[in-house]
Protein backbone atom coordinates (compact mmCIF):
# COMPACT_ATOMS: atom_id res chain seq x y z
CA MET A 1 -13.64 -80.23 -164.67
CA GLU A 2 -11.77 -77.42 -165.60
CA ALA A 3 -11.96 -77.03 -170.21
CA PHE A 4 -9.33 -74.53 -170.35
CA SER A 5 -4.87 -75.31 -170.24
CA GLU A 6 -3.16 -72.48 -168.90
CA GLU A 7 -1.62 -71.76 -171.62
CA TRP A 8 -5.55 -70.47 -172.43
CA ILE A 9 -6.44 -69.02 -169.28
CA LYS A 10 -2.69 -67.40 -170.15
CA ASN A 11 -3.16 -65.83 -173.36
CA ASN A 12 -7.10 -65.06 -173.49
CA ILE A 13 -7.72 -63.90 -170.18
CA HIS A 14 -6.06 -60.75 -169.82
CA ASP A 15 -7.82 -59.38 -166.95
CA PRO A 16 -7.90 -61.44 -163.29
CA THR A 17 -10.58 -59.08 -161.50
CA ASN A 18 -12.84 -58.90 -164.44
CA THR A 19 -16.09 -60.61 -162.51
CA PHE A 20 -16.36 -63.25 -164.66
CA ALA A 21 -12.97 -64.38 -163.71
CA ILE A 22 -13.34 -63.91 -159.91
CA LEU A 23 -16.26 -66.05 -160.27
CA HIS A 24 -15.44 -68.40 -162.11
CA LYS A 25 -12.43 -69.18 -159.18
CA ILE A 26 -15.01 -68.64 -156.29
CA ILE A 27 -18.73 -70.90 -157.32
CA PRO A 28 -17.90 -74.49 -155.91
CA TRP A 29 -19.13 -75.88 -159.22
CA GLN A 30 -18.63 -79.18 -158.58
CA LYS A 31 -20.99 -79.60 -155.42
CA ILE A 32 -23.61 -77.34 -157.77
CA THR A 33 -23.32 -80.30 -160.27
CA ASP A 34 -23.62 -83.32 -158.20
CA LYS A 35 -26.38 -81.99 -156.56
CA LEU A 36 -28.18 -81.55 -159.27
CA VAL A 37 -26.97 -84.98 -161.42
CA PRO A 38 -30.24 -86.40 -160.15
CA TYR A 39 -32.13 -84.40 -162.64
CA TYR A 40 -30.05 -86.38 -165.58
CA SER A 41 -30.64 -90.23 -166.30
CA ASP A 42 -27.75 -92.39 -167.41
CA LYS A 43 -28.76 -95.44 -169.22
CA THR A 44 -31.15 -93.15 -171.24
CA GLY A 45 -30.96 -89.99 -174.17
CA ARG A 46 -28.10 -88.55 -176.00
CA THR A 47 -24.69 -86.93 -174.31
CA GLY A 48 -25.88 -83.60 -173.22
CA THR A 49 -24.51 -79.85 -172.35
CA PRO A 50 -22.66 -79.73 -168.76
CA ILE A 51 -24.68 -79.78 -166.05
CA ARG A 52 -21.52 -77.16 -164.97
CA THR A 53 -22.57 -75.06 -168.41
CA ILE A 54 -25.42 -74.88 -168.39
CA VAL A 55 -25.74 -72.89 -164.53
CA ALA A 56 -23.16 -70.72 -165.44
CA VAL A 57 -25.34 -70.27 -168.36
CA PHE A 58 -27.99 -69.06 -166.00
CA ILE A 59 -25.76 -66.83 -163.53
CA ALA A 60 -24.22 -64.99 -167.16
CA ALA A 61 -27.92 -64.41 -167.96
CA ARG A 62 -28.58 -62.68 -164.91
CA LEU A 63 -25.18 -60.71 -164.36
CA ARG A 64 -25.49 -59.01 -167.06
CA LEU A 65 -29.51 -59.09 -167.60
CA LEU A 66 -30.01 -60.84 -170.84
CA SER A 67 -32.11 -62.81 -173.33
CA ASP A 68 -31.45 -66.56 -174.03
CA ARG A 69 -31.03 -65.38 -177.02
CA ALA A 70 -28.17 -62.69 -176.45
CA VAL A 71 -26.45 -65.11 -173.26
CA VAL A 72 -25.96 -67.62 -175.76
CA LYS A 73 -24.34 -65.37 -178.68
CA GLN A 74 -21.64 -64.10 -175.90
CA VAL A 75 -21.16 -67.48 -174.74
CA LYS A 76 -20.07 -67.67 -178.23
CA GLU A 77 -18.38 -63.80 -178.82
CA ASN A 78 -17.21 -63.12 -174.84
CA ARG A 79 -13.42 -64.14 -174.25
CA TYR A 80 -14.62 -63.87 -170.35
CA ILE A 81 -17.88 -65.70 -170.28
CA GLN A 82 -16.74 -68.83 -172.72
CA TYR A 83 -14.18 -68.62 -169.61
CA PHE A 84 -16.84 -68.58 -166.68
CA CYS A 85 -19.17 -70.65 -168.62
CA ASN A 86 -16.71 -73.38 -168.77
CA VAL A 87 -17.30 -73.84 -173.09
CA GLN A 88 -14.08 -74.60 -175.13
CA ASP A 89 -13.32 -73.21 -178.58
CA GLU A 90 -14.09 -76.37 -180.70
CA ASN A 91 -17.68 -76.38 -178.93
CA LEU A 92 -18.59 -72.91 -179.66
CA PHE A 93 -19.96 -73.75 -183.44
CA THR A 94 -22.01 -75.94 -182.17
CA PHE A 95 -23.02 -74.51 -178.83
CA MET A 96 -26.64 -75.06 -177.06
CA HIS A 97 -29.45 -73.20 -178.81
CA HIS A 98 -31.09 -70.76 -177.36
CA SER A 99 -34.64 -72.38 -176.84
CA ASN A 100 -32.75 -75.25 -175.15
CA LEU A 101 -32.78 -73.27 -171.65
CA SER A 102 -35.73 -72.77 -171.46
CA ARG A 103 -36.07 -76.44 -171.91
CA LEU A 104 -33.65 -76.77 -168.82
CA ARG A 105 -35.43 -74.66 -166.42
CA LYS A 106 -38.16 -76.54 -166.55
CA ARG A 107 -36.54 -80.28 -165.87
CA PHE A 108 -33.75 -78.18 -162.53
CA GLY A 109 -37.67 -76.75 -161.57
CA VAL A 110 -37.91 -74.67 -158.35
CA GLU A 111 -36.06 -77.33 -156.14
CA GLY A 112 -32.83 -77.38 -159.03
CA MET A 113 -32.53 -73.38 -158.84
CA GLU A 114 -33.36 -72.98 -155.22
CA THR A 115 -30.23 -75.77 -155.25
CA VAL A 116 -28.14 -73.89 -157.28
CA GLU A 117 -29.35 -70.02 -154.98
CA SER A 118 -28.60 -72.01 -151.31
CA VAL A 119 -24.92 -73.80 -152.41
CA ILE A 120 -23.83 -70.22 -153.72
CA PHE A 121 -25.27 -68.36 -150.43
CA ASN A 122 -23.52 -71.68 -147.81
CA MET A 123 -20.55 -70.71 -149.78
CA LEU A 124 -20.39 -67.21 -149.08
CA ARG A 125 -22.11 -67.55 -145.53
CA VAL A 126 -19.35 -70.17 -144.61
CA ALA A 127 -16.13 -68.28 -145.13
CA LYS A 128 -17.90 -64.88 -143.27
CA VAL A 129 -18.35 -62.52 -145.99
CA ILE A 130 -21.96 -62.42 -144.96
CA ASP A 131 -22.88 -60.71 -141.98
CA THR A 132 -25.35 -61.93 -139.63
CA ASP A 133 -25.40 -58.36 -137.34
CA SER A 134 -29.10 -57.38 -138.80
CA MET A 135 -31.94 -57.78 -140.18
CA LEU A 136 -33.62 -56.01 -142.61
CA ILE A 137 -37.57 -56.64 -143.72
CA ASP A 138 -39.43 -55.11 -146.33
CA SER A 139 -41.70 -56.79 -149.01
CA THR A 140 -42.35 -55.38 -152.63
CA VAL A 141 -43.90 -56.37 -156.31
CA LEU A 142 -42.44 -58.80 -158.38
CA PRO A 143 -44.66 -56.92 -161.71
CA ASP A 144 -45.60 -60.08 -164.01
CA ASN A 145 -44.49 -59.44 -168.31
CA ILE A 146 -48.24 -58.73 -168.76
CA ILE A 147 -50.32 -55.55 -170.21
CA TYR A 148 -52.14 -52.73 -168.66
CA PRO A 149 -55.55 -55.13 -167.71
CA THR A 150 -58.45 -53.82 -169.22
CA ASP A 151 -62.24 -55.43 -168.87
CA LEU A 152 -62.51 -55.43 -172.37
CA GLY A 153 -58.84 -56.01 -173.24
CA LEU A 154 -59.49 -59.37 -171.48
CA ILE A 155 -63.08 -60.15 -173.04
CA PHE A 156 -61.23 -59.97 -176.24
CA LYS A 157 -57.95 -61.75 -174.86
CA ALA A 158 -60.53 -64.80 -173.75
CA PHE A 159 -61.77 -64.93 -177.26
CA LYS A 160 -58.14 -65.27 -178.91
CA LYS A 161 -57.68 -68.10 -176.38
CA MET A 162 -60.86 -70.26 -177.51
CA GLU A 163 -59.71 -69.10 -180.65
CA GLN A 164 -56.38 -71.25 -180.77
CA PHE A 165 -58.00 -73.71 -178.89
CA ALA A 166 -60.55 -74.13 -182.12
CA ARG A 167 -57.26 -74.20 -184.33
CA GLN A 168 -55.48 -76.99 -182.20
CA TYR A 169 -58.54 -79.44 -182.97
CA TYR A 170 -60.10 -77.85 -186.59
CA ILE A 171 -63.02 -76.51 -185.08
CA PRO A 172 -64.65 -74.17 -187.25
CA ILE A 173 -64.84 -70.94 -185.37
CA TRP A 174 -68.48 -70.33 -183.69
CA TRP A 175 -69.05 -66.56 -182.82
CA ASP A 176 -68.98 -63.78 -186.04
CA SER A 177 -65.34 -63.33 -186.44
CA GLN A 178 -66.05 -59.97 -188.31
CA GLU A 179 -67.60 -58.54 -186.26
CA LEU A 180 -65.81 -58.90 -183.35
CA ARG A 181 -62.78 -57.48 -185.10
CA GLN A 182 -64.77 -54.41 -185.89
CA LEU A 183 -65.81 -54.14 -182.18
CA ARG A 184 -62.23 -53.92 -181.58
CA ARG A 185 -61.33 -51.66 -184.16
CA GLU A 186 -63.84 -49.36 -182.66
CA TYR A 187 -62.53 -49.85 -179.10
CA ASN A 188 -59.74 -48.43 -179.95
CA LEU A 189 -61.16 -45.78 -181.28
CA ASN A 190 -62.99 -44.54 -179.78
CA ARG A 191 -62.05 -44.48 -175.95
CA LYS A 192 -65.13 -42.23 -174.72
CA LYS A 193 -66.57 -43.82 -171.28
CA THR A 194 -69.97 -44.14 -172.72
CA GLU A 195 -69.06 -45.57 -175.87
CA ILE A 196 -66.90 -48.19 -174.00
CA ALA A 197 -69.40 -48.93 -171.55
CA ASP A 198 -72.30 -49.69 -174.38
CA LEU A 199 -69.48 -52.00 -176.49
CA PHE A 200 -68.66 -53.87 -172.80
CA PHE A 201 -72.09 -54.87 -173.44
CA GLU A 202 -72.79 -55.44 -176.84
CA VAL A 203 -68.84 -57.55 -176.55
CA LEU A 204 -70.09 -59.83 -173.48
CA LEU A 205 -72.86 -60.76 -174.52
CA ILE A 206 -71.72 -62.05 -177.50
CA PHE A 207 -68.80 -63.93 -175.02
CA SER A 208 -71.43 -65.06 -172.84
CA ALA A 209 -72.78 -67.65 -175.74
CA GLY A 210 -69.52 -68.23 -176.73
CA LEU A 211 -68.22 -69.45 -173.52
CA ARG A 212 -71.69 -71.69 -173.24
CA LYS A 213 -70.61 -73.58 -176.66
CA TYR A 214 -67.79 -73.65 -175.39
CA GLU A 215 -68.18 -75.41 -172.67
CA THR A 216 -70.05 -78.47 -174.34
CA ILE A 217 -67.50 -78.60 -176.70
CA VAL A 218 -65.24 -78.85 -173.98
CA GLN A 219 -67.44 -81.60 -172.28
CA SER A 220 -67.29 -83.84 -175.35
CA LEU A 221 -63.35 -83.59 -176.58
CA GLU A 222 -61.68 -86.65 -177.47
CA GLY A 223 -57.96 -86.91 -177.68
CA SER A 224 -55.17 -87.17 -174.96
CA ASP A 225 -55.91 -86.64 -171.33
CA LYS A 226 -52.86 -83.29 -171.37
CA ASN A 227 -55.53 -81.83 -173.92
CA LYS A 228 -58.01 -82.39 -172.06
CA GLU A 229 -56.85 -80.99 -168.84
CA LYS A 230 -55.25 -77.82 -170.59
CA ALA A 231 -58.81 -77.09 -172.15
CA GLN A 232 -61.03 -77.34 -169.54
CA GLN A 233 -58.34 -75.45 -166.73
CA LEU A 234 -58.90 -72.68 -169.22
CA LEU A 235 -63.09 -73.18 -169.30
CA ASP A 236 -62.24 -73.27 -165.64
CA LEU A 237 -60.92 -69.74 -165.80
CA LEU A 238 -63.44 -68.27 -168.17
CA MET A 239 -65.84 -69.15 -166.38
CA LEU A 240 -64.03 -68.03 -163.68
CA PHE A 241 -63.42 -64.95 -165.87
CA GLN A 242 -67.56 -64.41 -166.35
CA ASP A 243 -68.58 -64.78 -162.69
CA GLN A 244 -66.06 -61.96 -162.04
CA ASN A 245 -68.07 -59.77 -164.60
CA ALA A 246 -71.30 -60.40 -163.00
CA GLN A 247 -70.52 -59.27 -159.86
CA LYS A 248 -68.78 -55.99 -161.56
CA LEU A 249 -72.20 -55.49 -162.96
CA ALA A 250 -73.85 -56.78 -159.62
CA GLY A 251 -72.21 -53.43 -158.07
CA GLU A 252 -69.23 -55.08 -156.48
CA ARG A 253 -66.21 -52.99 -155.97
CA HIS A 254 -64.17 -55.73 -154.56
CA ILE A 255 -63.55 -58.70 -156.02
CA PRO A 256 -61.61 -61.61 -154.55
CA ASN A 257 -58.54 -62.83 -157.27
CA ARG A 258 -60.33 -60.99 -159.73
CA ILE A 259 -58.23 -61.97 -162.60
CA VAL A 260 -55.72 -59.82 -164.53
CA SER A 261 -54.20 -61.78 -167.46
CA PHE A 262 -55.15 -65.19 -168.44
CA ASP A 263 -51.36 -65.69 -169.77
CA GLU A 264 -50.51 -65.54 -165.93
CA PRO A 265 -53.92 -66.31 -163.76
CA ASP A 266 -51.71 -66.00 -160.59
CA SER A 267 -51.15 -62.77 -161.09
CA ARG A 268 -52.94 -60.20 -159.05
CA PRO A 269 -53.42 -56.54 -158.62
CA ILE A 270 -51.60 -55.07 -155.56
CA LYS A 271 -51.13 -51.71 -154.55
CA LYS A 272 -48.40 -51.21 -151.89
CA GLY A 273 -49.74 -47.21 -151.18
CA LYS A 274 -46.51 -45.54 -153.78
CA LYS A 275 -47.28 -42.72 -155.68
CA TYR A 276 -46.29 -44.30 -158.58
CA PRO A 277 -47.60 -46.55 -159.59
CA ASN A 278 -50.37 -46.42 -157.25
CA CYS A 279 -51.02 -50.15 -158.19
CA GLU A 280 -49.05 -53.48 -160.05
CA PHE A 281 -49.53 -56.40 -161.26
CA GLY A 282 -47.95 -58.98 -160.41
CA SER A 283 -46.87 -61.46 -157.27
CA THR A 284 -45.64 -60.44 -153.33
CA LEU A 285 -42.07 -60.78 -152.65
CA GLN A 286 -40.60 -60.52 -149.50
CA LEU A 287 -37.67 -59.93 -148.69
CA SER A 288 -35.11 -59.49 -146.13
CA PHE A 289 -31.22 -58.69 -146.11
CA ASN A 290 -28.32 -58.11 -143.83
CA ARG A 291 -26.66 -54.26 -143.39
CA GLN A 292 -23.92 -55.20 -145.21
CA GLY A 293 -26.96 -55.26 -148.47
CA PHE A 294 -26.71 -59.27 -149.22
CA MET A 295 -30.32 -60.79 -149.88
CA ILE A 296 -30.61 -63.66 -147.09
CA THR A 297 -34.71 -64.68 -147.86
CA MET A 298 -36.84 -64.33 -150.60
CA GLU A 299 -40.20 -65.68 -150.25
CA ASN A 300 -42.61 -65.38 -153.72
CA PHE A 301 -47.26 -65.14 -152.48
CA ILE A 302 -50.00 -65.20 -154.98
CA GLY A 303 -51.05 -61.75 -154.39
CA LYS A 304 -51.01 -59.29 -150.60
CA PRO A 305 -50.78 -60.60 -147.60
CA ASN A 306 -51.29 -58.99 -144.86
CA ASP A 307 -47.72 -58.13 -143.59
CA LYS A 308 -47.80 -59.11 -139.74
CA THR A 309 -48.70 -62.62 -140.57
CA LEU A 310 -45.13 -62.64 -143.06
CA TRP A 311 -42.32 -61.45 -140.38
CA HIS A 312 -42.50 -64.67 -137.42
CA ARG A 313 -41.98 -67.42 -141.53
CA THR A 314 -39.60 -64.47 -142.44
CA ALA A 315 -37.53 -64.26 -139.27
CA LEU A 316 -37.49 -67.86 -138.60
CA LEU A 317 -36.42 -68.83 -142.45
CA PHE A 318 -33.52 -66.26 -141.88
CA GLU A 319 -32.43 -67.97 -138.95
CA LYS A 320 -32.01 -70.60 -140.28
CA ARG A 321 -29.97 -69.21 -142.96
CA MET A 322 -27.85 -68.12 -141.50
CA LYS A 323 -27.57 -70.26 -138.44
CA GLY A 324 -28.19 -68.25 -135.15
CA SER A 325 -30.25 -65.06 -134.81
CA PRO A 326 -29.33 -61.22 -136.08
CA ASP A 327 -28.44 -58.29 -132.79
CA HIS A 328 -31.02 -55.85 -135.03
CA ALA A 329 -34.59 -56.92 -136.85
CA ILE A 330 -35.34 -54.28 -138.08
CA GLY A 331 -39.03 -53.61 -140.48
CA ASP A 332 -41.74 -50.44 -140.95
CA GLN A 333 -44.69 -50.39 -139.22
CA GLY A 334 -46.54 -52.52 -141.56
CA TYR A 335 -45.05 -55.36 -140.12
CA ARG A 336 -46.29 -53.45 -135.92
CA SER A 337 -48.37 -55.99 -133.85
CA ARG A 338 -47.83 -57.14 -130.35
CA ALA A 339 -46.49 -60.57 -131.01
CA ASN A 340 -44.08 -59.57 -133.80
CA GLN A 341 -42.39 -57.39 -131.05
CA GLU A 342 -40.66 -59.78 -129.50
CA ILE A 343 -39.87 -62.21 -132.71
CA PRO A 344 -37.61 -63.70 -133.29
CA LYS A 345 -36.88 -64.27 -129.74
CA GLY A 346 -33.70 -63.07 -128.14
CA CYS A 347 -33.12 -60.64 -130.78
CA PRO A 348 -32.42 -57.32 -127.93
CA HIS A 349 -33.20 -55.20 -130.75
CA ILE A 350 -36.24 -55.23 -132.79
CA PHE A 351 -36.99 -52.12 -134.07
CA LEU A 352 -40.69 -51.97 -136.08
CA GLY A 353 -41.19 -48.47 -137.63
CA ARG A 354 -40.82 -46.09 -134.24
CA SER A 355 -37.79 -45.31 -132.50
CA GLN A 356 -38.68 -45.80 -129.00
CA ASP A 357 -39.16 -49.18 -129.97
CA VAL A 358 -35.31 -49.28 -128.99
CA ALA A 359 -32.71 -47.57 -127.04
CA GLU A 360 -31.53 -44.26 -127.21
CA GLU A 361 -28.43 -45.06 -128.82
CA LYS A 362 -29.74 -47.74 -131.45
CA GLN A 363 -32.68 -45.94 -132.68
CA ASP A 364 -29.92 -43.68 -135.07
CA TYR A 365 -28.58 -46.87 -136.54
CA CYS A 366 -32.19 -48.73 -136.91
CA ARG A 367 -33.75 -45.24 -138.59
CA LYS A 368 -30.47 -45.84 -140.90
CA ALA A 369 -30.99 -49.49 -141.82
CA ARG A 370 -34.68 -48.94 -142.69
CA SER A 371 -33.56 -46.65 -145.26
CA ALA A 372 -31.02 -48.46 -146.87
CA THR A 373 -33.72 -51.22 -146.91
CA GLU A 374 -35.68 -49.18 -149.09
CA GLY A 375 -32.26 -48.23 -151.07
CA PHE A 376 -31.24 -52.23 -151.64
CA ILE A 377 -35.75 -52.65 -152.82
CA SER A 378 -35.04 -50.27 -155.54
CA VAL A 379 -30.97 -51.64 -156.36
CA SER A 380 -32.80 -55.48 -156.57
CA LYS A 381 -35.51 -54.05 -158.55
CA ASN A 382 -33.99 -51.73 -161.08
CA LEU A 383 -30.64 -53.15 -161.24
CA ARG A 384 -30.38 -56.50 -160.46
CA GLY A 385 -34.14 -58.16 -162.51
CA PHE A 386 -36.70 -57.78 -159.68
CA GLY A 387 -38.40 -55.30 -161.58
CA CYS A 388 -41.03 -57.32 -163.76
CA SER A 389 -40.44 -61.21 -164.29
CA LEU A 390 -39.70 -63.00 -167.72
CA TYR A 391 -40.90 -66.08 -166.98
CA GLN A 392 -44.47 -67.52 -166.79
CA GLY A 393 -46.88 -68.91 -163.82
CA THR A 394 -46.31 -69.07 -160.30
CA ASP A 395 -42.78 -71.75 -160.96
CA GLY A 396 -41.72 -69.28 -162.79
CA ASN A 397 -41.77 -67.05 -161.23
CA ARG A 398 -39.78 -68.19 -158.19
CA ILE A 399 -37.12 -69.87 -160.82
CA TRP A 400 -36.75 -65.63 -162.09
CA SER A 401 -36.85 -64.64 -157.71
CA LEU A 402 -34.18 -67.48 -157.34
CA LEU A 403 -31.83 -66.41 -160.36
CA CYS A 404 -31.96 -62.64 -159.41
CA GLN A 405 -30.94 -63.51 -155.53
CA THR A 406 -28.15 -65.28 -156.74
CA ALA A 407 -26.96 -62.82 -159.31
CA TYR A 408 -27.45 -60.56 -157.06
CA ASN A 409 -25.46 -61.67 -153.99
CA LEU A 410 -22.94 -61.92 -155.79
CA LYS A 411 -23.05 -58.38 -157.25
CA LYS A 412 -22.81 -57.49 -153.99
CA PHE A 413 -20.09 -59.53 -153.13
CA LEU A 414 -17.79 -58.21 -156.51
CA GLN A 415 -19.10 -55.22 -154.86
CA LEU A 416 -17.56 -55.38 -151.02
CA TYR A 417 -14.65 -57.24 -152.95
CA ASN A 418 -13.40 -54.08 -155.69
CA ASP A 419 -14.20 -51.55 -152.05
CA GLU A 420 -11.56 -53.40 -150.21
CA LYS A 421 -14.02 -54.04 -147.32
CA ILE A 422 -13.38 -58.25 -147.39
CA SER A 423 -11.28 -59.39 -144.70
CA GLU A 424 -7.80 -61.13 -146.05
CA GLY A 425 -8.88 -64.52 -143.93
CA CYS A 426 -12.44 -64.44 -146.06
CA LEU A 427 -10.70 -64.71 -149.12
CA MET A 428 -8.38 -67.08 -148.52
CA LYS A 429 -11.25 -69.31 -147.88
CA LEU A 430 -12.83 -68.34 -151.37
CA GLY A 431 -9.32 -69.05 -152.72
CA LEU A 432 -8.79 -65.72 -154.40
CA ILE A 433 -5.31 -65.36 -152.10
CA GLY A 434 -2.91 -67.81 -151.44
């Protein structure tokens, strides 16, 4: 239900071509609301912020690359964002606290965010704004918001985690915190390799003793099952970290599932063959675009799966979302295999990094499309939020990616709309012209 009268809109929304004024008109708010209603109870709890407003705030934050605190402030200060989010003047002073957005994301979860993205994507597809002509596939890294991991830095972080546990249960610290503080100071002041090695062994001995004590405490822990589970999860993570330290001391150069953060245990070191940065810490993003630059599919993976194994899955997902097969399937040589040269089935032109893959008259088109893929990924990482995930955990990364994908496709639509590259028939279906 619209919160604003015609008079309010006339007095406050002076630019009908504003980003938020246009998106306010085309997004199917009622359809999104209907699909998200099951996440609420109609029998318990007080009346909360309308779903339509919550979803609009999520989208506005990603469109403007704003934090939770900043987007709530913008709703109160910016008339166009207020209009987009459907917040009446009398509700501005008591509008939600920014901390509520984190709880609401958890409530809707991955499934809820997938619903929002899917409804908006299908709106553009059904209006025939998105073409099915080409499938451009590539993968990149979604970095996590963590500091650069070092062996000693991770050990000090492990002590901090155990200290947080001790304070929660009012247990005295079972290691010499003064000695550890001095060792950390020495580590921060002296960065010579020989001295670092000596420090590592000294700190590792203290950590090994502290971990054994922590294991004993967890086994005899009393309290709620939820707290016990959290303590056990931390213990399992620390034991794995200790095992990996032992592997490193034994001379192992490749350690599977290497822990690089205790806050992001699923984060992995990933090398993508780039000169800079040569290694990033996060998860893998498998993306597909059409030739216009719309992001059709987006998948998150822990670690770095082989590109060859992802091609088939992404092609099927592309066809499912677009309700049809593309005329061109384009990827780099990382996806090249005999099986992938026949996927998707019925696609007449499949280009996997070599000109001879396609007929001569199609070679120039495929090479340019392949180059364009790098540009689309660059825009997504540098301008659309895929440069770093600010939400924690695997589910957090997925929610972040879905919201960024939604904003990316809406921005692409606005770009084509402002360049007058969308037909009148499409605009009529979206309700932008009579």
